[in-house]
Amino acid sequence: MKQGIHPELFAVEVSCTCEHSFMTRSTKKEIKSTLCSSCHPFFTGQQRFVDTAGRIEKFRKKFAK
């Protein structure tokens, strides 16, 4: 490897808002996330739909033929 052209790597702890964290290496000194595989609805199976204008029900009614 050439000297002086590569960014410096740091051992960082990636933390999520759900308080789950893990260690990795990165060029950034600190990584914070709002979603991770421990709290994301796709991975947990607890998917919730936020339906403010009745759009889901309207869609289901339209295609329920």
N, C-alpha and C. Protein backbone atom coordinates (compact mmCIF):
# COMPACT_ATOMS: atom_id res chain seq x y z
N MET A 1 0.83 -1.18 0.00
CA MET A 1 0.00 0.00 0.00
C MET A 1 0.88 1.25 0.00
N LYS A 2 0.39 2.26 -0.68
CA LYS A 2 1.10 3.53 -0.68
C LYS A 2 0.90 4.23 0.65
N GLN A 3 1.93 4.89 1.10
CA GLN A 3 1.87 5.61 2.36
C GLN A 3 1.27 7.00 2.16
N GLY A 4 0.44 7.43 3.12
CA GLY A 4 -0.06 8.80 3.13
C GLY A 4 -1.31 9.06 2.30
N ILE A 5 -1.88 8.06 1.60
CA ILE A 5 -3.07 8.33 0.79
C ILE A 5 -4.33 7.70 1.37
N HIS A 6 -4.19 6.86 2.37
CA HIS A 6 -5.34 6.17 2.93
C HIS A 6 -5.87 6.91 4.15
N PRO A 7 -7.19 6.96 4.31
CA PRO A 7 -7.75 7.64 5.48
C PRO A 7 -7.46 6.84 6.75
N GLU A 8 -7.45 7.53 7.86
CA GLU A 8 -7.19 6.89 9.15
C GLU A 8 -8.44 6.13 9.59
N LEU A 9 -8.26 4.90 10.05
CA LEU A 9 -9.37 4.08 10.54
C LEU A 9 -9.41 4.12 12.06
N PHE A 10 -10.63 4.19 12.58
CA PHE A 10 -10.84 4.21 14.02
C PHE A 10 -11.71 3.03 14.41
N ALA A 11 -11.50 2.51 15.60
CA ALA A 11 -12.41 1.51 16.16
C ALA A 11 -13.53 2.29 16.82
N VAL A 12 -14.75 2.16 16.30
CA VAL A 12 -15.87 2.94 16.79
C VAL A 12 -16.99 2.04 17.27
N GLU A 13 -17.80 2.57 18.17
CA GLU A 13 -18.99 1.88 18.62
C GLU A 13 -20.19 2.53 17.94
N VAL A 14 -20.90 1.76 17.13
CA VAL A 14 -22.10 2.24 16.46
C VAL A 14 -23.25 2.07 17.43
N SER A 15 -23.97 3.16 17.70
CA SER A 15 -25.08 3.07 18.65
C SER A 15 -26.37 3.51 17.98
N CYS A 16 -27.45 2.85 18.37
CA CYS A 16 -28.78 3.11 17.83
C CYS A 16 -29.62 3.78 18.92
N THR A 17 -30.73 4.37 18.53
CA THR A 17 -31.61 5.01 19.50
C THR A 17 -32.30 3.99 20.40
N CYS A 18 -32.35 2.72 19.97
CA CYS A 18 -32.94 1.66 20.81
C CYS A 18 -31.92 1.12 21.82
N GLU A 19 -30.77 1.75 21.92
CA GLU A 19 -29.68 1.42 22.84
C GLU A 19 -28.92 0.16 22.46
N HIS A 20 -29.12 -0.36 21.27
CA HIS A 20 -28.32 -1.48 20.76
C HIS A 20 -27.03 -0.89 20.20
N SER A 21 -25.92 -1.56 20.41
CA SER A 21 -24.64 -1.04 19.90
C SER A 21 -23.74 -2.20 19.51
N PHE A 22 -22.80 -1.90 18.63
CA PHE A 22 -21.81 -2.89 18.21
C PHE A 22 -20.55 -2.17 17.79
N MET A 23 -19.45 -2.89 17.77
CA MET A 23 -18.15 -2.31 17.42
C MET A 23 -17.83 -2.60 15.96
N THR A 24 -17.20 -1.63 15.30
CA THR A 24 -16.73 -1.78 13.94
C THR A 24 -15.58 -0.81 13.71
N ARG A 25 -15.09 -0.76 12.50
CA ARG A 25 -14.05 0.22 12.15
C ARG A 25 -14.61 1.17 11.11
N SER A 26 -14.21 2.44 11.21
CA SER A 26 -14.73 3.44 10.29
C SER A 26 -13.75 4.60 10.20
N THR A 27 -13.93 5.42 9.18
CA THR A 27 -13.14 6.64 9.06
C THR A 27 -13.73 7.75 9.91
N LYS A 28 -14.96 7.57 10.38
CA LYS A 28 -15.59 8.53 11.29
C LYS A 28 -15.30 8.12 12.72
N LYS A 29 -15.25 9.09 13.62
CA LYS A 29 -14.94 8.78 15.01
C LYS A 29 -16.16 8.34 15.81
N GLU A 30 -17.36 8.69 15.32
CA GLU A 30 -18.57 8.36 16.06
C GLU A 30 -19.70 8.12 15.06
N ILE A 31 -20.49 7.05 15.26
CA ILE A 31 -21.62 6.75 14.38
C ILE A 31 -22.85 6.52 15.24
N LYS A 32 -23.91 7.28 14.97
CA LYS A 32 -25.19 7.10 15.66
C LYS A 32 -26.25 6.85 14.61
N SER A 33 -27.14 5.92 14.89
CA SER A 33 -28.17 5.54 13.94
C SER A 33 -29.54 5.65 14.60
N THR A 34 -30.57 5.86 13.78
CA THR A 34 -31.93 5.90 14.31
C THR A 34 -32.61 4.54 14.21
N LEU A 35 -32.16 3.68 13.30
CA LEU A 35 -32.73 2.34 13.13
C LEU A 35 -31.61 1.33 12.97
N CYS A 36 -31.85 0.14 13.47
CA CYS A 36 -30.91 -0.96 13.29
C CYS A 36 -31.70 -2.25 13.11
N SER A 37 -31.01 -3.34 12.94
CA SER A 37 -31.70 -4.62 12.73
C SER A 37 -32.41 -5.10 13.99
N SER A 38 -32.11 -4.54 15.13
CA SER A 38 -32.78 -4.94 16.37
C SER A 38 -34.12 -4.24 16.55
N CYS A 39 -34.29 -3.07 15.92
CA CYS A 39 -35.53 -2.32 16.15
C CYS A 39 -36.29 -2.00 14.86
N HIS A 40 -35.73 -2.31 13.70
CA HIS A 40 -36.42 -2.02 12.44
C HIS A 40 -37.61 -2.97 12.27
N PRO A 41 -38.79 -2.46 11.90
CA PRO A 41 -39.99 -3.30 11.77
C PRO A 41 -39.84 -4.45 10.78
N PHE A 42 -39.06 -4.30 9.74
CA PHE A 42 -38.88 -5.37 8.76
C PHE A 42 -38.22 -6.58 9.40
N PHE A 43 -37.23 -6.35 10.25
CA PHE A 43 -36.49 -7.44 10.87
C PHE A 43 -37.18 -7.99 12.11
N THR A 44 -37.94 -7.17 12.81
CA THR A 44 -38.59 -7.62 14.04
C THR A 44 -39.95 -8.25 13.79
N GLY A 45 -40.57 -7.98 12.64
CA GLY A 45 -41.87 -8.53 12.33
C GLY A 45 -43.01 -7.78 12.98
N GLN A 46 -42.73 -6.64 13.55
CA GLN A 46 -43.75 -5.82 14.20
C GLN A 46 -44.06 -4.59 13.36
N GLN A 47 -44.37 -4.82 12.11
CA GLN A 47 -44.60 -3.72 11.19
C GLN A 47 -45.92 -3.04 11.51
N ARG A 48 -45.89 -1.71 11.58
CA ARG A 48 -47.07 -0.91 11.86
C ARG A 48 -47.29 0.05 10.71
N PHE A 49 -48.54 0.26 10.37
CA PHE A 49 -48.88 1.21 9.32
C PHE A 49 -49.46 2.46 9.96
N VAL A 50 -48.95 3.61 9.57
CA VAL A 50 -49.49 4.87 10.04
C VAL A 50 -50.39 5.38 8.93
N ASP A 51 -51.69 5.32 9.17
CA ASP A 51 -52.67 5.70 8.15
C ASP A 51 -53.44 6.92 8.64
N THR A 52 -53.05 8.09 8.17
CA THR A 52 -53.67 9.31 8.67
C THR A 52 -54.88 9.74 7.88
N ALA A 53 -54.99 9.33 6.63
CA ALA A 53 -56.09 9.80 5.79
C ALA A 53 -56.96 8.66 5.27
N GLY A 54 -56.87 7.46 5.85
CA GLY A 54 -57.67 6.34 5.40
C GLY A 54 -57.21 5.79 4.06
N ARG A 55 -55.98 6.01 3.70
CA ARG A 55 -55.48 5.59 2.38
C ARG A 55 -55.38 4.08 2.25
N ILE A 56 -55.01 3.41 3.32
CA ILE A 56 -54.88 1.95 3.26
C ILE A 56 -56.24 1.32 3.04
N GLU A 57 -57.23 1.76 3.81
CA GLU A 57 -58.58 1.22 3.67
C GLU A 57 -59.15 1.53 2.29
N LYS A 58 -58.88 2.71 1.77
CA LYS A 58 -59.34 3.09 0.44
C LYS A 58 -58.70 2.19 -0.62
N PHE A 59 -57.42 1.88 -0.47
CA PHE A 59 -56.71 1.01 -1.39
C PHE A 59 -57.27 -0.41 -1.34
N ARG A 60 -57.50 -0.92 -0.12
CA ARG A 60 -58.04 -2.27 0.03
C ARG A 60 -59.44 -2.38 -0.57
N LYS A 61 -60.24 -1.34 -0.37
CA LYS A 61 -61.60 -1.34 -0.91
C LYS A 61 -61.58 -1.31 -2.44
N LYS A 62 -60.65 -0.57 -3.01
CA LYS A 62 -60.55 -0.42 -4.46
C LYS A 62 -60.13 -1.74 -5.13
N PHE A 63 -59.21 -2.47 -4.51
CA PHE A 63 -58.68 -3.68 -5.12
C PHE A 63 -59.19 -4.97 -4.46
N ALA A 64 -60.30 -4.94 -3.76
CA ALA A 64 -60.84 -6.12 -3.08
C ALA A 64 -61.78 -6.92 -3.99
N LYS A 65 -61.77 -6.67 -5.26
CA LYS A 65 -62.69 -7.34 -6.19
C LYS A 65 -62.43 -8.78 -6.30
